[in-house]
Protein backbone atom coordinates (compact mmCIF):
# COMPACT_ATOMS: atom_id res chain seq x y z
CA MET A 1 0.00 0.00 0.00
CA LYS A 2 1.34 3.43 -0.91
CA PHE A 3 0.84 6.42 1.22
CA ARG A 4 0.71 9.96 -0.13
CA LEU A 5 1.06 12.87 2.27
CA SER A 6 -0.75 16.04 1.44
CA ALA A 7 1.20 19.29 1.60
CA LEU A 8 -0.66 20.14 4.80
CA ALA A 9 0.17 16.80 6.37
CA LEU A 10 3.79 17.11 5.34
CA LEU A 11 3.96 20.55 6.89
CA SER A 12 2.40 19.20 10.11
CA ALA A 13 4.79 16.25 10.19
CA THR A 14 7.83 18.48 9.96
CA ALA A 15 6.60 21.12 12.41
CA GLY A 16 9.10 21.72 15.16
CA CYS A 17 11.97 20.19 13.15
CA THR A 18 14.45 22.81 11.98
CA THR A 19 17.69 22.51 10.04
CA PRO A 20 20.62 23.43 12.25
CA VAL A 21 22.18 26.74 11.24
CA ALA A 22 25.93 27.06 11.53
CA GLN A 23 26.80 29.60 14.15
CA VAL A 24 29.47 32.06 13.03
CA SER A 25 31.31 33.48 15.98
CA PRO A 26 32.19 37.17 15.86
CA PRO A 27 35.74 38.24 14.97
CA VAL A 28 38.31 38.34 17.74
CA PRO A 29 39.68 41.83 18.56
CA VAL A 30 43.47 41.78 18.69
CA GLY A 31 45.62 44.76 19.64
CA VAL A 32 48.64 45.20 17.37
CA ALA A 33 51.62 47.55 17.74
CA SER A 34 54.79 48.51 15.91
CA PHE A 35 57.57 49.98 18.04
CA ASN A 36 61.08 51.09 17.08
CA MET A 37 63.03 50.94 20.35
CA ALA A 38 66.13 52.92 19.26
CA TRP A 39 69.21 50.72 19.67
CA ALA A 40 67.74 48.58 22.45
CA GLY A 41 70.15 46.02 23.85
CA THR A 42 70.76 44.33 27.17
CA GLU A 43 72.75 45.93 29.97
CA ALA A 44 75.67 43.73 28.90
CA ASP A 45 75.40 45.06 25.34
CA PHE A 46 75.51 48.61 26.66
CA THR A 47 78.50 47.89 28.88
CA THR A 48 80.45 46.75 25.80
CA HIS A 49 79.33 49.89 23.93
CA LEU A 50 80.47 52.09 26.82
CA ALA A 51 83.88 50.40 27.02
CA MET A 52 84.45 50.73 23.29
CA CYS A 53 83.39 54.39 23.06
CA THR A 54 85.50 55.32 26.07
CA ALA A 55 88.52 53.61 24.46
CA VAL A 56 88.09 55.51 21.16
CA GLU A 57 87.23 58.79 22.90
CA TRP A 58 83.68 58.87 21.54
CA CYS A 59 84.77 59.43 17.97
CA ASP A 60 82.34 59.35 15.03
CA THR A 61 82.68 57.09 12.00
CA ARG A 62 80.59 59.46 9.88
CA PRO A 63 82.49 62.29 8.16
CA ARG A 64 81.16 65.59 9.48
CA ARG A 65 80.34 68.47 7.15
CA LYS A 66 80.99 72.01 8.29
CA GLN A 67 78.31 74.64 7.84
CA GLY A 68 78.07 75.59 4.20
CA GLU A 69 79.80 72.44 2.93
CA THR A 70 77.91 70.21 0.50
CA THR A 71 80.36 67.33 0.97
CA PRO A 72 82.73 66.43 3.82
CA SER A 73 86.28 67.70 3.53
CA PRO A 74 89.21 65.30 2.98
CA GLU A 75 90.25 65.98 6.57
CA ALA A 76 86.80 65.01 7.89
CA ILE A 77 86.84 61.81 5.85
CA ALA A 78 90.31 60.93 7.15
CA THR A 79 89.17 61.57 10.75
CA ALA A 80 86.17 59.28 10.31
CA ARG A 81 88.34 56.54 8.84
CA ARG A 82 90.75 56.73 11.76
CA CYS A 83 87.77 56.38 14.09
CA GLU A 84 86.50 53.34 12.21
CA ALA A 85 89.94 51.71 12.38
CA ALA A 86 90.15 52.33 16.14
CA ILE A 87 86.70 50.80 16.69
CA ASP A 88 87.56 47.75 14.57
CA GLN A 89 90.75 47.27 16.57
CA PHE A 90 88.87 47.42 19.87
CA ALA A 91 86.21 44.98 18.70
CA GLY A 92 88.61 42.51 17.13
CA GLY A 93 87.61 43.22 13.54
CA ALA A 94 85.07 45.04 11.41
CA ARG A 95 82.51 42.22 11.58
CA GLN A 96 82.67 42.15 15.37
CA ALA A 97 82.37 45.94 15.53
CA MET A 98 79.02 45.76 13.71
CA GLN A 99 77.59 43.95 16.74
CA ILE A 100 78.25 46.95 19.02
CA ALA A 101 76.10 50.09 19.03
CA PRO A 102 78.06 53.06 17.61
CA CYS A 103 79.13 55.93 19.83
CA ASN A 104 76.41 58.23 18.48
CA ALA A 105 73.60 55.72 19.11
CA TYR A 106 72.16 57.07 22.36
CA LYS A 107 70.80 60.59 22.04
CA GLY A 108 70.21 63.26 24.62
CA ARG A 109 73.65 63.43 26.22
CA ASN A 110 75.44 66.75 26.71
CA ALA A 111 78.83 65.18 27.20
CA ALA A 112 80.32 61.72 26.99
CA ASP A 113 80.50 61.32 30.78
CA THR A 114 76.68 61.36 31.00
CA VAL A 115 76.45 58.09 29.07
CA THR A 116 76.50 55.75 32.05
CA LEU A 117 75.00 52.37 32.76
CA ALA A 118 72.67 54.02 35.29
CA ASN A 119 71.34 56.32 32.57
CA TYR A 120 70.93 53.41 30.17
CA GLN A 121 69.00 51.53 32.84
CA LYS A 122 66.54 54.45 32.84
CA LYS A 123 66.05 53.98 29.10
CA LEU A 124 65.29 50.28 29.69
CA ALA A 125 62.91 51.22 32.50
CA GLY A 126 61.13 53.60 30.11
CA LEU A 127 60.82 50.85 27.51
CA ARG A 128 59.48 48.46 30.14
CA ALA A 129 56.87 50.98 31.32
CA THR A 130 55.87 51.83 27.73
CA ILE A 131 55.33 48.18 26.83
CA ALA A 132 53.45 47.50 30.06
CA SER A 133 51.08 50.34 29.15
CA LEU A 134 50.58 48.94 25.64
CA ILE A 135 49.61 45.58 27.09
CA GLU A 136 47.62 46.66 30.15
CA LYS A 137 45.99 49.89 28.95
CA ASP A 138 45.73 49.48 25.18
CA GLY A 139 45.16 45.71 25.02
CA VAL A 140 48.06 45.05 22.66
CA GLN A 141 48.73 41.35 22.10
CA VAL A 142 51.12 41.35 19.14
CA ILE A 143 54.13 43.71 19.01
CA ALA A 144 56.54 44.13 16.10
CA PHE A 145 59.84 45.59 17.31
CA GLN A 146 62.58 47.34 15.34
CA GLU A 147 66.11 48.36 16.37
CA VAL A 148 66.70 45.57 18.85
CA LYS A 149 69.81 43.46 19.40
CA SER A 150 68.33 40.13 20.43
CA ASP A 151 65.40 38.18 21.82
CA GLN A 152 66.86 38.60 25.31
CA VAL A 153 66.33 42.37 25.37
CA ILE A 154 62.69 41.80 24.36
CA ARG A 155 62.22 39.49 27.35
CA ASP A 156 63.90 42.07 29.56
CA VAL A 157 61.58 44.93 28.54
CA LEU A 158 58.46 42.74 28.70
CA GLY A 159 59.07 42.73 32.44
CA VAL A 160 56.20 41.16 34.40
CA HIS A 161 54.56 40.11 31.12
CA ALA A 162 57.51 38.01 29.92
CA ALA A 163 55.92 34.77 31.16
CA THR A 164 52.72 35.28 29.15
CA PHE A 165 54.42 36.29 25.88
CA ASP A 166 56.43 34.35 23.33
CA VAL A 167 59.32 36.04 21.55
CA CYS A 168 61.29 35.59 18.33
CA TYR A 169 63.84 37.67 16.43
CA ALA A 170 65.73 37.67 13.13
CA PRO A 171 69.45 36.96 13.68
CA HIS A 172 71.59 39.52 11.86
CA ASN A 173 75.27 40.37 11.36
CA ALA A 174 74.79 43.84 12.84
CA PHE A 175 73.37 45.25 16.06
CA GLN A 176 69.97 46.35 14.75
CA THR A 177 67.38 43.75 13.83
CA VAL A 178 63.64 43.09 14.11
CA ALA A 179 61.64 40.97 16.56
CA PHE A 180 58.14 39.95 17.65
CA ALA A 181 56.42 39.38 20.98
CA TRP A 182 52.92 37.93 21.18
CA ASN A 183 50.56 36.84 23.92
CA LYS A 184 50.53 33.05 24.02
CA ALA A 185 46.76 33.04 24.57
CA VAL A 186 46.02 34.87 21.30
CA THR A 187 46.89 31.90 19.07
CA GLN A 188 45.36 28.44 18.95
CA LYS A 189 48.64 26.97 17.64
CA PRO A 190 52.20 27.89 18.57
CA GLY A 191 53.47 30.88 16.63
CA GLN A 192 55.81 30.20 13.71
CA CYS A 193 58.60 32.69 12.97
CA ALA A 194 60.77 32.89 9.85
CA SER A 195 63.55 35.37 9.03
CA ARG A 196 63.47 36.98 5.60
CA THR A 197 67.16 37.40 4.83
CA GLU A 198 66.49 38.44 1.23
CA LEU A 199 65.57 41.92 2.56
CA ALA A 200 69.07 42.23 4.05
CA VAL A 201 70.59 43.47 0.79
CA ALA A 202 74.24 44.51 0.60
CA GLU A 203 75.03 48.15 1.25
CA ASP A 204 77.52 48.15 -1.63
CA PRO A 205 76.75 45.38 -4.15
CA ALA A 206 79.51 46.53 -6.52
CA ASN A 207 82.18 45.67 -3.92
CA PRO A 208 82.80 41.90 -3.71
CA ALA A 209 84.42 42.37 -0.30
CA ASN A 210 81.35 44.12 1.12
CA PHE A 211 79.76 42.36 4.08
CA ARG A 212 77.58 45.19 5.42
CA THR A 213 73.91 44.58 4.83
CA VAL A 214 70.69 46.27 5.86
CA ARG A 215 68.20 44.63 8.20
CA PRO A 216 66.26 41.43 7.42
CA GLY A 217 62.50 41.02 7.67
CA LEU A 218 60.64 38.69 10.01
CA ALA A 219 57.38 36.79 9.51
CA LEU A 220 55.16 35.57 12.37
CA GLU A 221 52.26 33.23 11.63
CA LEU A 222 49.58 32.86 14.30
CA THR A 223 46.29 30.95 14.28
CA ILE A 224 43.54 33.32 15.37
CA HIS A 225 39.83 32.53 15.18
CA GLY A 226 40.80 29.18 13.67
CA GLN A 227 42.54 30.76 10.67
CA PRO A 228 46.17 31.63 9.99
CA VAL A 229 47.21 35.27 9.95
CA THR A 230 50.73 36.42 9.09
CA PHE A 231 52.45 39.46 10.56
CA MET A 232 55.31 40.83 8.45
CA ASN A 233 57.83 43.02 10.30
CA VAL A 234 60.13 45.34 8.31
CA HIS A 235 62.75 47.99 8.97
CA LEU A 236 63.76 49.25 5.55
CA LYS A 237 66.78 51.35 4.55
CA SER A 238 66.79 54.84 6.07
CA SER A 239 67.51 58.28 4.59
CA CYS A 240 65.31 58.05 1.49
CA ALA A 241 62.06 58.89 3.24
CA ASN A 242 60.40 61.83 1.52
CA LEU A 243 58.54 62.05 -1.74
CA LYS A 244 57.98 65.75 -1.00
CA ALA A 245 60.71 68.03 0.28
CA ASN A 246 60.43 68.86 3.98
CA GLY A 247 62.97 71.18 5.57
CA PRO A 248 66.41 69.58 5.32
CA PHE A 249 64.91 66.39 3.82
CA PRO A 250 64.89 66.51 0.00
CA ALA A 251 62.24 64.97 -2.25
CA ARG A 252 63.41 61.69 -3.72
CA THR A 253 61.99 58.83 -5.75
CA LEU A 254 63.60 55.40 -5.65
CA ASP A 255 65.48 55.94 -8.90
CA ASP A 256 67.42 58.79 -7.26
CA ALA A 257 71.21 58.53 -7.43
CA ASP A 258 71.43 59.02 -3.65
CA ALA A 259 73.19 56.05 -2.04
CA ALA A 260 70.40 55.36 0.48
CA CYS A 261 67.72 55.41 -2.23
CA ARG A 262 69.82 52.99 -4.25
CA VAL A 263 69.79 50.53 -1.34
CA LEU A 264 66.04 50.95 -0.75
CA ASN A 265 65.47 50.42 -4.47
CA ARG A 266 67.09 46.97 -4.25
CA GLN A 267 64.86 46.04 -1.31
CA VAL A 268 61.71 46.60 -3.41
CA PRO A 269 61.72 43.30 -5.37
CA ALA A 270 62.51 41.29 -2.23
CA LEU A 271 59.64 42.91 -0.34
CA GLU A 272 57.25 42.52 -3.25
CA ASP A 273 58.12 38.83 -3.72
CA TRP A 274 57.62 38.22 0.01
CA ILE A 275 54.20 39.90 0.00
CA GLU A 276 53.05 37.92 -3.03
CA ALA A 277 54.27 34.64 -1.51
CA VAL A 278 52.40 35.28 1.75
CA ASP A 279 49.27 36.35 -0.14
CA ALA A 280 49.30 33.14 -2.17
CA LYS A 281 49.61 30.99 0.95
CA SER A 282 47.38 32.89 3.39
CA PRO A 283 45.73 36.13 2.26
CA ARG A 284 45.13 37.36 5.83
CA PHE A 285 48.29 39.33 6.58
CA VAL A 286 49.58 42.54 8.16
CA LEU A 287 52.68 44.39 6.95
CA LEU A 288 54.01 46.71 9.64
CA GLY A 289 57.14 48.32 10.97
CA ASP A 290 59.53 51.15 10.21
CA PHE A 291 59.33 51.63 6.44
CA ASN A 292 61.67 54.65 6.51
CA ARG A 293 59.53 55.92 3.63
CA ARG A 294 56.51 58.24 3.50
CA ILE A 295 54.27 55.76 1.73
CA ASP A 296 51.31 57.95 2.71
CA GLU A 297 52.77 60.69 0.50
CA GLU A 298 53.20 58.20 -2.32
CA ALA A 299 49.63 56.92 -1.96
CA ALA A 300 48.33 60.50 -2.28
CA GLU A 301 49.89 60.80 -5.74
CA THR A 302 47.67 60.14 -8.76
CA LEU A 303 49.86 58.02 -11.02
CA ALA A 304 49.20 56.01 -14.12
CA PRO A 305 50.76 52.51 -14.01
CA MET A 306 53.31 53.55 -16.64
CA GLN A 307 54.63 56.26 -14.28
CA VAL A 308 55.58 53.91 -11.44
CA ARG A 309 58.73 52.59 -13.14
CA THR A 310 61.37 54.32 -15.20
CA ASP A 311 60.90 51.81 -18.03
CA GLY A 312 57.12 52.37 -18.17
CA SER A 313 56.32 48.72 -17.44
CA ASP A 314 53.24 47.69 -15.42
CA PRO A 315 54.02 47.46 -11.67
CA ALA A 316 51.80 44.37 -11.52
CA GLY A 317 54.18 42.64 -13.93
CA PRO A 318 57.76 41.37 -13.53
CA ASN A 319 60.29 43.84 -12.14
CA LYS A 320 63.54 43.21 -13.98
CA LYS A 321 66.79 43.53 -12.04
CA ASP A 322 70.08 44.65 -13.49
CA GLY A 323 73.33 42.90 -12.68
CA LEU A 324 73.55 44.47 -9.22
CA GLY A 325 69.90 44.00 -8.27
CA TYR A 326 68.56 47.48 -9.08
CA VAL A 327 65.05 47.75 -10.52
CA ALA A 328 63.08 50.38 -12.40
CA SER A 329 60.86 51.19 -9.40
CA LYS A 330 60.38 54.86 -8.53
CA TYR A 331 57.66 54.44 -5.88
CA LEU A 332 57.49 51.89 -3.08
CA TRP A 333 53.75 51.99 -2.37
CA GLN A 334 52.59 51.63 -5.97
CA GLU A 335 54.93 48.66 -6.39
CA ILE A 336 53.77 46.65 -3.39
CA SER A 337 50.06 47.57 -3.76
CA ASP A 338 49.77 46.97 -7.48
CA GLY A 339 46.50 45.01 -7.47
CA LYS A 340 48.36 41.71 -7.18
CA PRO A 341 47.69 41.98 -4.29
CA THR A 342 45.86 45.14 -3.21
CA LEU A 343 46.98 46.56 0.14
CA HIS A 344 45.44 49.14 2.47
CA GLN A 345 47.30 51.64 4.62
CA VAL A 346 45.82 52.20 8.06
CA PRO A 347 45.79 55.99 8.49
CA LEU A 348 46.90 57.73 11.64
CA SER A 349 43.83 59.15 13.36
CA SER A 350 45.51 60.79 16.31
CA LEU A 351 48.82 61.57 17.92
CA ASP A 352 48.54 61.29 21.68
CA THR A 353 49.64 64.23 23.80
CA GLY A 354 53.31 63.91 24.63
CA CYS A 355 54.11 61.79 21.61
CA LYS A 356 57.27 63.09 19.95
CA GLY A 357 59.79 61.64 17.56
CA PHE A 358 59.76 60.66 13.92
CA THR A 359 56.55 60.86 11.93
CA GLY A 360 55.60 59.31 8.63
CA LEU A 361 58.01 56.38 8.86
CA ASP A 362 56.13 53.77 10.92
CA HIS A 363 53.14 52.20 9.16
CA ILE A 364 50.53 49.45 9.45
CA VAL A 365 49.27 47.96 6.17
CA LEU A 366 46.51 45.35 5.74
CA SER A 367 45.84 42.84 3.02
CA ASP A 368 42.57 43.10 1.12
CA ALA A 369 41.25 39.93 2.79
CA LEU A 370 42.06 41.26 6.25
CA LYS A 371 40.50 44.64 5.58
CA ALA A 372 37.27 42.87 4.59
CA LEU A 373 37.06 41.39 8.11
CA GLN A 374 37.03 44.78 9.81
CA THR A 375 33.63 45.83 11.09
CA THR A 376 34.18 49.58 10.78
CA ALA A 377 34.19 51.36 7.46
CA THR A 378 37.17 53.51 8.41
CA LEU A 379 40.43 51.98 9.50
CA THR A 380 42.38 53.96 12.07
CA SER A 381 45.54 53.70 14.11
CA ARG A 382 47.17 56.02 16.60
CA LYS A 383 50.53 56.77 18.13
CA VAL A 384 51.02 56.69 21.88
CA PRO A 385 53.87 58.33 23.81
CA VAL A 386 56.82 56.53 25.29
CA VAL A 387 57.50 56.82 29.01
CA ASN A 388 60.39 59.15 29.90
CA GLU A 389 61.49 60.46 33.27
CA PRO A 390 62.02 64.22 33.59
CA ARG A 391 65.51 65.17 32.37
CA GLN A 392 66.20 61.61 31.24
CA VAL A 393 69.67 61.63 29.66
CA ILE A 394 69.26 58.73 27.21
CA GLU A 395 65.77 58.97 25.74
CA THR A 396 63.54 55.91 25.82
CA SER A 397 63.05 56.03 22.04
CA ASP A 398 62.89 58.54 19.19
CA HIS A 399 59.79 56.73 17.85
CA CYS A 400 56.32 56.39 19.38
CA PRO A 401 54.53 53.02 19.19
CA ARG A 402 51.86 52.89 16.50
CA ILE A 403 48.87 50.80 17.54
CA MET A 404 45.46 49.60 16.33
CA THR A 405 42.85 46.96 17.12
CA LEU A 406 42.21 44.40 14.40
CA ASN A 407 39.21 42.08 14.07
CA LEU A 408 40.58 38.64 13.25
């Protein structure tokens, strides 16, 4: 016997039975910060610095120009070279000397005798208080550091929070490198760190004997809200910052003949390849750190694709290197955010009272996929002041931390 249910009977039979609906949990808010800590090392690192600079009478390895001079005099160049030789002799060689902070590293002193361990300890105390405020007041859970010597100094300045944070850093052949600290509770799987040594390009690629390189990058992959997210920490070559002239800082594009711009130019393809590799693997990523470039000025320029490179080629296409690694790139931002992938700068909404130091160099940039997760239409970040004691001789830092809350 066959049974046929009417529509009404079928509706009655299924009353009260509903199809389960997958519950989508809301995004997890995660505080993120980028903080350049200005030649931060351990007390032992500083003690070595102090001994070296005392031995060489606080000389400077940079040739000094007198007022009105466009280039240093032969005498100034000779003086700087004698200083460099004395430092190398103290350290046991040029490579070893690169692991010691130079004599002009710690600002704010009036005379050499004010650079004491006690004064450096105040700098460390200021860093410790600044980071404690980021964690306790601002809810920061992931911090990208620049200008640090090692993972040990990060643990030192984390202070009472060292037990709840994991740390990694990018080993480098010079004092300054980059590092991360992250709250262990923010990730469902242990964090994975990887140095990006391809960003550490040679200062002088035409010299086969050159061993001086700029800083590497560092990637940190965390699992947040069940999905991977990659944080990419950079500290790019300095002294080629401005697209628009500002006081003593000239306007320069990356094809400029200036030596610093030439180094930054050779970092462009390495950075772009890294971004594209991360995007292909996991499109949720954050690029942050000290770019040493006003990419906000670049982004404000209205440029046709053919204007981004000197050869007129499309920035979304291959970027050909010459024999020394130079490329045709004139603009950093238009190269890395060329639509493959598209990136989004997080603008600075406010500068907290008391925040001094460099502006326009530290940035936070989001991938397109990560921007889509944010619940507010307008992305914002802010800078918060570092902690300094009154009349502190060695300043805590010449950068302010840049922070934001991300929905992940």
